[in-house]
């Protein structure tokens, strides 16, 4: 079985794999995070954006978000804020793991980790600084990765 994803499928998979449920997603941040990732991730390369100054918008993403709200994956919390439903996020992860070939699932998981990092401003350097643990294939800097300076 060959999976031919549409924008709606990819967005649902990325959000479902990235979030555990209960996270508040600011809609403008969703646009900018996906816009930043578009150039790095092949799965997101088909997205189209309109960029005016600091504002990034995509009609494709807008329609997908509306569809995810209608399906109950996302809940509108307030003006410009969406919340991921806990039970839905778990269900999405289980369905994807069961249905997709492992290579596609891993690619979606990688895209979702990048998305989460952009949405919530997490990155490898902060994780490295805080824990002293490098990511896979990432060498530890001299001194073990921990910052020995007083806080």
Protein backbone atom coordinates (compact mmCIF):
# COMPACT_ATOMS: atom_id res chain seq x y z
CA UNK A 1 0.00 0.00 0.00
CA UNK A 2 1.43 3.37 -1.05
CA UNK A 3 0.41 6.38 1.03
CA UNK A 4 -0.29 9.52 -1.01
CA UNK A 5 -0.66 12.25 1.59
CA UNK A 6 -2.69 15.42 1.28
CA UNK A 7 -1.95 18.57 3.27
CA UNK A 8 -4.75 17.70 5.71
CA UNK A 9 -3.27 14.23 6.35
CA UNK A 10 0.24 15.58 6.86
CA UNK A 11 -0.90 18.34 9.21
CA UNK A 12 -2.99 15.92 11.27
CA UNK A 13 -0.08 13.49 11.47
CA UNK A 14 2.47 16.15 12.41
CA UNK A 15 0.24 17.65 15.12
CA UNK A 16 -0.89 14.22 16.36
CA UNK A 17 2.66 12.91 16.65
CA UNK A 18 4.12 16.14 18.05
CA UNK A 19 1.55 16.78 20.75
CA UNK A 20 0.38 14.66 23.65
CA UNK A 21 -2.85 16.58 24.01
CA UNK A 22 -3.72 19.69 25.94
CA UNK A 23 -1.08 21.86 24.24
CA UNK A 24 -2.23 25.30 23.23
CA UNK A 25 -1.28 26.12 19.67
CA UNK A 26 -1.30 29.75 18.57
CA UNK A 27 -2.53 29.81 14.98
CA UNK A 28 -0.02 32.44 13.75
CA UNK A 29 2.78 30.35 15.29
CA UNK A 30 1.50 27.24 13.45
CA UNK A 31 1.84 29.12 10.15
CA UNK A 32 5.32 30.44 10.91
CA UNK A 33 6.59 27.09 12.28
CA UNK A 34 5.41 25.20 9.20
CA UNK A 35 6.75 27.93 6.91
CA UNK A 36 10.18 27.64 8.56
CA UNK A 37 10.10 23.85 8.22
CA UNK A 38 8.92 23.83 4.61
CA UNK A 39 12.44 24.17 3.24
CA UNK A 40 13.88 21.46 5.50
CA UNK A 41 11.22 18.79 5.28
CA UNK A 42 10.14 17.05 2.10
CA UNK A 43 6.71 16.19 3.53
CA UNK A 44 5.99 19.89 4.02
CA UNK A 45 7.51 21.05 0.73
CA UNK A 46 4.10 21.21 -0.99
CA UNK A 47 2.77 23.94 1.31
CA UNK A 48 2.18 27.39 -0.15
CA UNK A 49 2.54 30.55 1.92
CA UNK A 50 1.79 34.20 1.50
CA UNK A 51 4.33 36.24 3.45
CA UNK A 52 3.72 39.92 4.12
CA UNK A 53 6.32 41.50 6.37
CA UNK A 54 6.37 39.47 9.57
CA UNK A 55 3.05 37.73 8.84
CA UNK A 56 2.99 34.26 7.31
CA UNK A 57 -0.33 32.78 6.06
CA UNK A 58 -1.41 29.69 4.14
CA UNK A 59 -4.91 29.04 2.83
CA UNK A 60 -4.05 25.29 2.71
CA UNK A 61 -3.22 25.28 6.41
CA UNK A 62 -6.27 27.39 7.27
CA UNK A 63 -8.55 24.88 5.53
CA UNK A 64 -6.76 21.96 7.17
CA UNK A 65 -7.09 23.51 10.63
CA UNK A 66 -10.82 24.07 10.05
CA UNK A 67 -11.15 20.44 8.98
CA UNK A 68 -9.27 19.25 12.10
CA UNK A 69 -11.56 21.38 14.29
CA UNK A 70 -14.64 19.90 12.56
CA UNK A 71 -13.27 16.36 13.11
CA UNK A 72 -12.63 17.06 16.80
CA UNK A 73 -8.84 16.77 16.63
CA UNK A 74 -8.45 20.42 17.64
CA UNK A 75 -10.63 22.56 19.88
CA UNK A 76 -10.90 26.32 19.45
CA UNK A 77 -10.00 27.85 22.82
CA UNK A 78 -10.10 31.51 21.97
CA UNK A 79 -9.25 34.00 19.29
CA UNK A 80 -6.27 32.49 17.49
CA UNK A 81 -5.66 29.59 19.91
CA UNK A 82 -6.32 25.90 19.35
CA UNK A 83 -5.96 23.03 21.83
CA UNK A 84 -5.09 19.46 20.87
CA UNK A 85 -7.56 16.93 22.32
CA UNK A 86 -5.77 14.35 24.49
CA UNK A 87 -7.68 11.26 23.37
CA UNK A 88 -7.48 12.26 19.72
CA UNK A 89 -3.70 12.71 19.77
CA UNK A 90 -3.28 9.21 21.22
CA UNK A 91 -5.65 7.76 18.64
CA UNK A 92 -3.82 9.45 15.75
CA UNK A 93 -0.47 8.05 16.90
CA UNK A 94 -1.88 4.52 17.18
CA UNK A 95 -3.54 4.68 13.75
CA UNK A 96 -0.45 6.03 12.01
CA UNK A 97 1.85 3.46 13.58
CA UNK A 98 -0.48 0.68 12.46
CA UNK A 99 -1.25 1.93 8.93
CA UNK A 100 1.95 3.46 7.61
CA UNK A 101 5.19 1.83 6.51
CA UNK A 102 7.89 2.39 9.10
CA UNK A 103 9.92 4.71 6.84
CA UNK A 104 6.95 7.04 6.33
CA UNK A 105 6.09 6.91 10.03
CA UNK A 106 9.69 7.82 10.96
CA UNK A 107 9.68 10.71 8.47
CA UNK A 108 6.44 12.03 9.97
CA UNK A 109 7.83 11.61 13.48
CA UNK A 110 10.94 13.61 12.54
CA UNK A 111 8.79 16.36 11.00
CA UNK A 112 6.60 16.40 14.11
CA UNK A 113 9.61 16.78 16.42
CA UNK A 114 10.84 19.72 14.37
CA UNK A 115 7.34 21.21 14.41
CA UNK A 116 7.12 20.87 18.20
CA UNK A 117 10.55 22.46 18.58
CA UNK A 118 9.50 25.44 16.47
CA UNK A 119 6.11 25.78 18.18
CA UNK A 120 7.44 25.69 21.71
CA UNK A 121 10.96 27.06 21.11
CA UNK A 122 12.82 23.92 22.12
CA UNK A 123 16.03 22.98 20.40
CA UNK A 124 18.94 20.60 20.67
CA UNK A 125 21.30 23.20 22.05
CA UNK A 126 19.03 23.93 25.00
CA UNK A 127 18.53 20.21 25.65
CA UNK A 128 22.27 19.69 25.41
CA UNK A 129 22.97 22.59 27.75
CA UNK A 130 20.34 21.46 30.28
CA UNK A 131 21.01 17.71 30.28
CA UNK A 132 24.47 17.21 28.85
CA UNK A 133 22.98 14.61 26.48
CA UNK A 134 23.51 15.10 22.77
CA UNK A 135 21.05 13.92 20.18
CA UNK A 136 21.84 10.92 18.00
CA UNK A 137 24.90 11.52 15.82
CA UNK A 138 25.59 14.77 17.65
CA UNK A 139 28.99 14.94 19.36
CA UNK A 140 29.34 16.28 22.87
CA UNK A 141 31.36 19.47 23.09
CA UNK A 142 34.46 19.67 25.27
CA UNK A 143 33.49 19.64 28.94
CA UNK A 144 30.72 17.06 28.51
CA UNK A 145 28.10 19.50 27.26
CA UNK A 146 27.29 21.03 30.60
CA UNK A 147 27.71 24.69 31.17
CA UNK A 148 29.87 24.97 34.32
CA UNK A 149 29.31 28.70 34.72
CA UNK A 150 27.14 29.78 37.66
CA UNK A 151 23.57 30.61 36.75
